[in-house]
């Protein structure tokens, strides 16, 4: 089997349906953010870390960044949360591609994230963005 685990063909259809359901859910969320009225922003959650310390956490501005992305305003999205572009979106795309390959081929394709070596670069990006936002931004 060349070191790969095979998915049962019946399960492969279930895995593909999860991919399509996830894509539909993401599209629905982006459509909601795209057409949400401007006053809806008052209901965005407040960051407790920011309230207590006055500093931004790595997640501060994520919802506003997704709203800007839904409106195709990439500059505003980056200003709201650069962490989204540096780690979250590339990681989400990578995971989706790996998952689709696994679902279509029926083989278990190893992921780079299966290794503990992925934690150090991710942690470095998180800490770097956190420092950058609070010191320089």
Protein backbone atom coordinates (compact mmCIF):
# COMPACT_ATOMS: atom_id res chain seq x y z
CA UNK A 1 0.00 0.00 0.00
CA UNK A 2 3.01 2.32 -0.25
CA UNK A 3 2.59 3.59 3.28
CA UNK A 4 -0.82 5.17 2.63
CA UNK A 5 -4.04 4.22 4.34
CA UNK A 6 -7.03 3.79 2.04
CA UNK A 7 -10.47 5.16 2.78
CA UNK A 8 -13.46 2.90 2.25
CA UNK A 9 -15.25 3.97 -1.00
CA UNK A 10 -18.53 4.48 0.87
CA UNK A 11 -16.76 6.74 3.34
CA UNK A 12 -15.14 8.71 0.51
CA UNK A 13 -18.56 10.08 -0.54
CA UNK A 14 -19.20 11.16 3.05
CA UNK A 15 -15.82 12.91 3.16
CA UNK A 16 -16.58 14.76 -0.10
CA UNK A 17 -19.99 15.83 1.20
CA UNK A 18 -18.26 17.33 4.27
CA UNK A 19 -15.99 19.31 1.93
CA UNK A 20 -18.94 20.71 -0.01
CA UNK A 21 -20.92 21.43 3.16
CA UNK A 22 -17.93 23.30 4.64
CA UNK A 23 -17.51 25.33 1.44
CA UNK A 24 -21.22 26.19 1.44
CA UNK A 25 -21.03 27.25 5.08
CA UNK A 26 -18.04 29.51 4.41
CA UNK A 27 -19.81 31.07 1.41
CA UNK A 28 -22.94 31.67 3.49
CA UNK A 29 -20.92 33.34 6.26
CA UNK A 30 -19.14 35.60 3.76
CA UNK A 31 -22.44 36.53 2.12
CA UNK A 32 -23.88 37.38 5.52
CA UNK A 33 -20.88 39.58 6.33
CA UNK A 34 -21.04 41.17 2.88
CA UNK A 35 -24.67 42.23 3.16
CA UNK A 36 -24.92 42.83 6.91
CA UNK A 37 -26.05 46.38 7.70
CA UNK A 38 -23.44 48.80 9.03
CA UNK A 39 -25.13 49.04 12.44
CA UNK A 40 -24.55 45.31 13.00
CA UNK A 41 -20.95 46.14 13.90
CA UNK A 42 -22.11 47.32 17.33
CA UNK A 43 -22.86 43.68 18.15
CA UNK A 44 -19.32 42.45 17.43
CA UNK A 45 -17.78 40.81 20.51
CA UNK A 46 -15.40 42.81 22.69
CA UNK A 47 -11.92 41.43 23.38
CA UNK A 48 -11.49 40.93 27.11
CA UNK A 49 -7.68 41.00 26.79
CA UNK A 50 -7.87 44.40 25.07
CA UNK A 51 -10.29 45.75 27.68
CA UNK A 52 -8.06 44.65 30.57
CA UNK A 53 -4.62 45.56 29.19
CA UNK A 54 -5.21 47.99 26.33
CA UNK A 55 -3.12 45.68 24.11
CA UNK A 56 -4.33 43.79 21.06
CA UNK A 57 -4.45 40.01 21.16
CA UNK A 58 -3.62 38.05 17.97
CA UNK A 59 -7.35 37.65 17.29
CA UNK A 60 -8.40 41.28 17.74
CA UNK A 61 -10.08 42.61 14.60
CA UNK A 62 -10.65 39.21 13.00
CA UNK A 63 -14.39 39.64 12.51
CA UNK A 64 -13.86 43.12 11.06
CA UNK A 65 -11.13 41.68 8.81
CA UNK A 66 -13.49 38.96 7.54
CA UNK A 67 -16.14 41.63 6.91
CA UNK A 68 -13.61 43.67 4.91
CA UNK A 69 -12.63 40.51 2.99
CA UNK A 70 -16.28 39.85 2.17
CA UNK A 71 -16.40 43.39 0.74
CA UNK A 72 -13.13 42.73 -1.15
CA UNK A 73 -11.32 45.45 0.80
CA UNK A 74 -7.99 43.65 1.32
CA UNK A 75 -6.17 46.71 2.68
CA UNK A 76 -8.71 47.25 5.44
CA UNK A 77 -8.73 43.53 6.20
CA UNK A 78 -4.95 43.57 6.63
CA UNK A 79 -5.12 46.65 8.86
CA UNK A 80 -7.78 45.04 11.06
CA UNK A 81 -5.80 41.83 11.52
CA UNK A 82 -2.58 41.02 9.59
CA UNK A 83 -2.42 37.66 11.37
CA UNK A 84 -5.30 36.56 9.17
CA UNK A 85 -3.19 36.90 6.00
CA UNK A 86 0.07 35.64 7.45
CA UNK A 87 -1.14 32.42 9.05
CA UNK A 88 -4.88 31.79 9.19
CA UNK A 89 -5.84 32.01 5.50
CA UNK A 90 -2.76 30.17 4.16
CA UNK A 91 -3.26 27.47 6.77
CA UNK A 92 -6.98 27.17 5.97
CA UNK A 93 -6.29 26.88 2.23
CA UNK A 94 -3.56 24.28 2.85
CA UNK A 95 -5.83 22.20 5.08
CA UNK A 96 -8.67 22.38 2.56
CA UNK A 97 -6.42 21.24 -0.29
CA UNK A 98 -5.05 18.32 1.76
CA UNK A 99 -8.56 17.33 2.84
CA UNK A 100 -9.92 17.45 -0.73
CA UNK A 101 -6.98 15.37 -2.01
CA UNK A 102 -7.63 12.81 0.71
CA UNK A 103 -11.37 12.73 -0.01
CA UNK A 104 -11.00 12.41 -3.80
CA UNK A 105 -8.10 9.97 -3.90
CA UNK A 106 -9.25 7.88 -0.97
CA UNK A 107 -5.69 7.82 0.33
CA UNK A 108 -4.38 9.26 3.55
CA UNK A 109 -1.92 11.90 2.38
CA UNK A 110 0.51 13.00 5.09
CA UNK A 111 0.27 16.64 6.08
CA UNK A 112 3.08 18.96 7.10
CA UNK A 113 0.99 19.79 10.14
CA UNK A 114 1.25 16.20 11.36
CA UNK A 115 4.73 17.06 12.56
CA UNK A 116 5.64 18.99 15.69
CA UNK A 117 7.97 21.04 13.46
CA UNK A 118 5.01 23.12 12.27
CA UNK A 119 4.40 24.49 15.77
CA UNK A 120 7.59 26.58 15.98
CA UNK A 121 7.04 28.65 12.78
CA UNK A 122 3.36 29.13 13.66
CA UNK A 123 4.25 30.29 17.18
CA UNK A 124 6.89 32.64 15.77
CA UNK A 125 4.34 34.20 13.41
CA UNK A 126 1.79 34.58 16.22
CA UNK A 127 4.28 36.22 18.60
CA UNK A 128 5.75 38.38 15.81
CA UNK A 129 2.35 39.72 14.75
CA UNK A 130 1.37 40.26 18.37
CA UNK A 131 4.49 42.34 19.08
CA UNK A 132 4.23 44.21 15.78
CA UNK A 133 0.60 45.20 16.38
CA UNK A 134 1.23 46.45 19.88
CA UNK A 135 4.62 48.15 19.45
CA UNK A 136 4.62 49.45 15.89
CA UNK A 137 0.92 49.46 15.02
